[in-house]
Amino acid sequence: MKYTIDRIENDIVVLETFDTMEMINIKKELLPSNIHEGSIIYYDNNKYIIDEQEEIERRKKIEERFKHLNSE
């Protein structure tokens, strides 16, 4: 399952699931050290992994939407 990092609050990270948009709290120590708000992660083999390519693609889509809105 894939998640977006919604926010980081001290030692708790709030994840939003891709499928259900459910919010999940998890301890920051369980995640890679280089996460940030907006990071895309997935769970595999008992650990969380950053999906950098998915994050890049999502950021591009968001930028395109903003460009489209600004051109109207």
C-alpha atoms as a PDB file:
ATOM      1  CA  MET A   1       0.000   0.000   0.000  1.00  0.00           C
ATOM      2  CA  LYS A   2       1.188   3.517  -0.776  1.00  0.00           C
ATOM      3  CA  TYR A   3       1.010   6.525   1.502  1.00  0.00           C
ATOM      4  CA  THR A   4       1.617  10.254   1.323  1.00  0.00           C
ATOM      5  CA  ILE A   5       3.233  11.973   4.294  1.00  0.00           C
ATOM      6  CA  ASP A   6       0.601  14.507   5.274  1.00  0.00           C
ATOM      7  CA  ARG A   7       2.492  16.052   8.175  1.00  0.00           C
ATOM      8  CA  ILE A   8       5.168  15.439  10.769  1.00  0.00           C
ATOM      9  CA  GLU A   9       4.408  16.278  14.391  1.00  0.00           C
ATOM     10  CA  ASN A  10       7.442  15.748  16.635  1.00  0.00           C
ATOM     11  CA  ASP A  11       7.940  11.959  16.735  1.00  0.00           C
ATOM     12  CA  ILE A  12       4.639  11.109  14.971  1.00  0.00           C
ATOM     13  CA  VAL A  13       4.092  11.097  11.210  1.00  0.00           C
ATOM     14  CA  VAL A  14       0.587  11.308   9.772  1.00  0.00           C
ATOM     15  CA  LEU A  15       0.210   9.182   6.642  1.00  0.00           C
ATOM     16  CA  GLU A  16      -2.649   9.360   4.157  1.00  0.00           C
ATOM     17  CA  THR A  17      -3.433   6.159   2.262  1.00  0.00           C
ATOM     18  CA  PHE A  18      -3.697   6.409  -1.524  1.00  0.00           C
ATOM     19  CA  ASP A  19      -6.740   4.157  -1.795  1.00  0.00           C
ATOM     20  CA  THR A  20      -9.033   5.192   1.037  1.00  0.00           C
ATOM     21  CA  MET A  21      -7.635   8.610   2.020  1.00  0.00           C
ATOM     22  CA  GLU A  22      -7.545   7.288   5.590  1.00  0.00           C
ATOM     23  CA  MET A  23      -5.169   9.007   8.001  1.00  0.00           C
ATOM     24  CA  ILE A  24      -2.756   6.826   9.975  1.00  0.00           C
ATOM     25  CA  ASN A  25      -0.342   7.875  12.715  1.00  0.00           C
ATOM     26  CA  ILE A  26       3.031   6.140  12.874  1.00  0.00           C
ATOM     27  CA  LYS A  27       6.205   6.665  14.867  1.00  0.00           C
ATOM     28  CA  LYS A  28       8.796   8.655  12.943  1.00  0.00           C
ATOM     29  CA  GLU A  29      11.538   6.193  13.927  1.00  0.00           C
ATOM     30  CA  LEU A  30       9.887   3.519  11.734  1.00  0.00           C
ATOM     31  CA  LEU A  31      10.311   5.600   8.575  1.00  0.00           C
ATOM     32  CA  PRO A  32      13.372   6.538   6.504  1.00  0.00           C
ATOM     33  CA  SER A  33      15.260   9.484   7.998  1.00  0.00           C
ATOM     34  CA  ASN A  34      14.992  11.639   4.858  1.00  0.00           C
ATOM     35  CA  ILE A  35      11.180  11.805   4.685  1.00  0.00           C
ATOM     36  CA  HIS A  36       9.365  15.133   4.433  1.00  0.00           C
ATOM     37  CA  GLU A  37       5.812  16.358   4.012  1.00  0.00           C
ATOM     38  CA  GLY A  38       4.647  15.198   0.599  1.00  0.00           C
ATOM     39  CA  SER A  39       6.947  12.161   0.470  1.00  0.00           C
ATOM     40  CA  ILE A  40       5.411   9.072  -1.096  1.00  0.00           C
ATOM     41  CA  ILE A  41       6.218   5.837   0.711  1.00  0.00           C
ATOM     42  CA  TYR A  42       5.184   2.211   0.559  1.00  0.00           C
ATOM     43  CA  TYR A  43       5.521  -0.753   2.892  1.00  0.00           C
ATOM     44  CA  ASP A  44       7.503  -3.767   1.678  1.00  0.00           C
ATOM     45  CA  ASN A  45       9.403  -6.543   3.469  1.00  0.00           C
ATOM     46  CA  ASN A  46       8.634  -5.129   6.918  1.00  0.00           C
ATOM     47  CA  LYS A  47       9.931  -1.639   6.183  1.00  0.00           C
ATOM     48  CA  TYR A  48       8.824   1.647   4.676  1.00  0.00           C
ATOM     49  CA  ILE A  49      10.518   2.750   1.464  1.00  0.00           C
ATOM     50  CA  ILE A  50      10.432   6.145  -0.255  1.00  0.00           C
ATOM     51  CA  ASP A  51       9.062   6.106  -3.810  1.00  0.00           C
ATOM     52  CA  GLU A  52      10.965   9.053  -5.276  1.00  0.00           C
ATOM     53  CA  GLN A  53       9.724   8.509  -8.832  1.00  0.00           C
ATOM     54  CA  GLU A  54       6.081   8.567  -7.748  1.00  0.00           C
ATOM     55  CA  GLU A  55       6.715  11.777  -5.795  1.00  0.00           C
ATOM     56  CA  ILE A  56       8.291  13.438  -8.847  1.00  0.00           C
ATOM     57  CA  GLU A  57       5.347  12.427 -11.037  1.00  0.00           C
ATOM     58  CA  ARG A  58       2.786  13.708  -8.533  1.00  0.00           C
ATOM     59  CA  ARG A  59       4.587  17.041  -8.160  1.00  0.00           C
ATOM     60  CA  LYS A  60       4.620  17.456 -11.956  1.00  0.00           C
ATOM     61  CA  LYS A  61       0.873  16.798 -12.129  1.00  0.00           C
ATOM     62  CA  ILE A  62       0.216  19.354  -9.393  1.00  0.00           C
ATOM     63  CA  GLU A  63       2.388  21.952 -11.162  1.00  0.00           C
ATOM     64  CA  GLU A  64       0.525  21.319 -14.429  1.00  0.00           C
ATOM     65  CA  ARG A  65      -2.821  21.850 -12.679  1.00  0.00           C
ATOM     66  CA  PHE A  66      -1.639  25.155 -11.225  1.00  0.00           C
ATOM     67  CA  LYS A  67      -0.351  26.306 -14.622  1.00  0.00           C
ATOM     68  CA  HIS A  68      -3.690  25.410 -16.173  1.00  0.00           C
ATOM     69  CA  LEU A  69      -5.607  27.314 -13.476  1.00  0.00           C
ATOM     70  CA  ASN A  70      -3.381  30.380 -13.854  1.00  0.00           C
ATOM     71  CA  SER A  71      -3.826  30.439 -17.633  1.00  0.00           C
ATOM     72  CA  GLU A  72      -7.641  30.664 -17.433  1.00  0.00           C
END
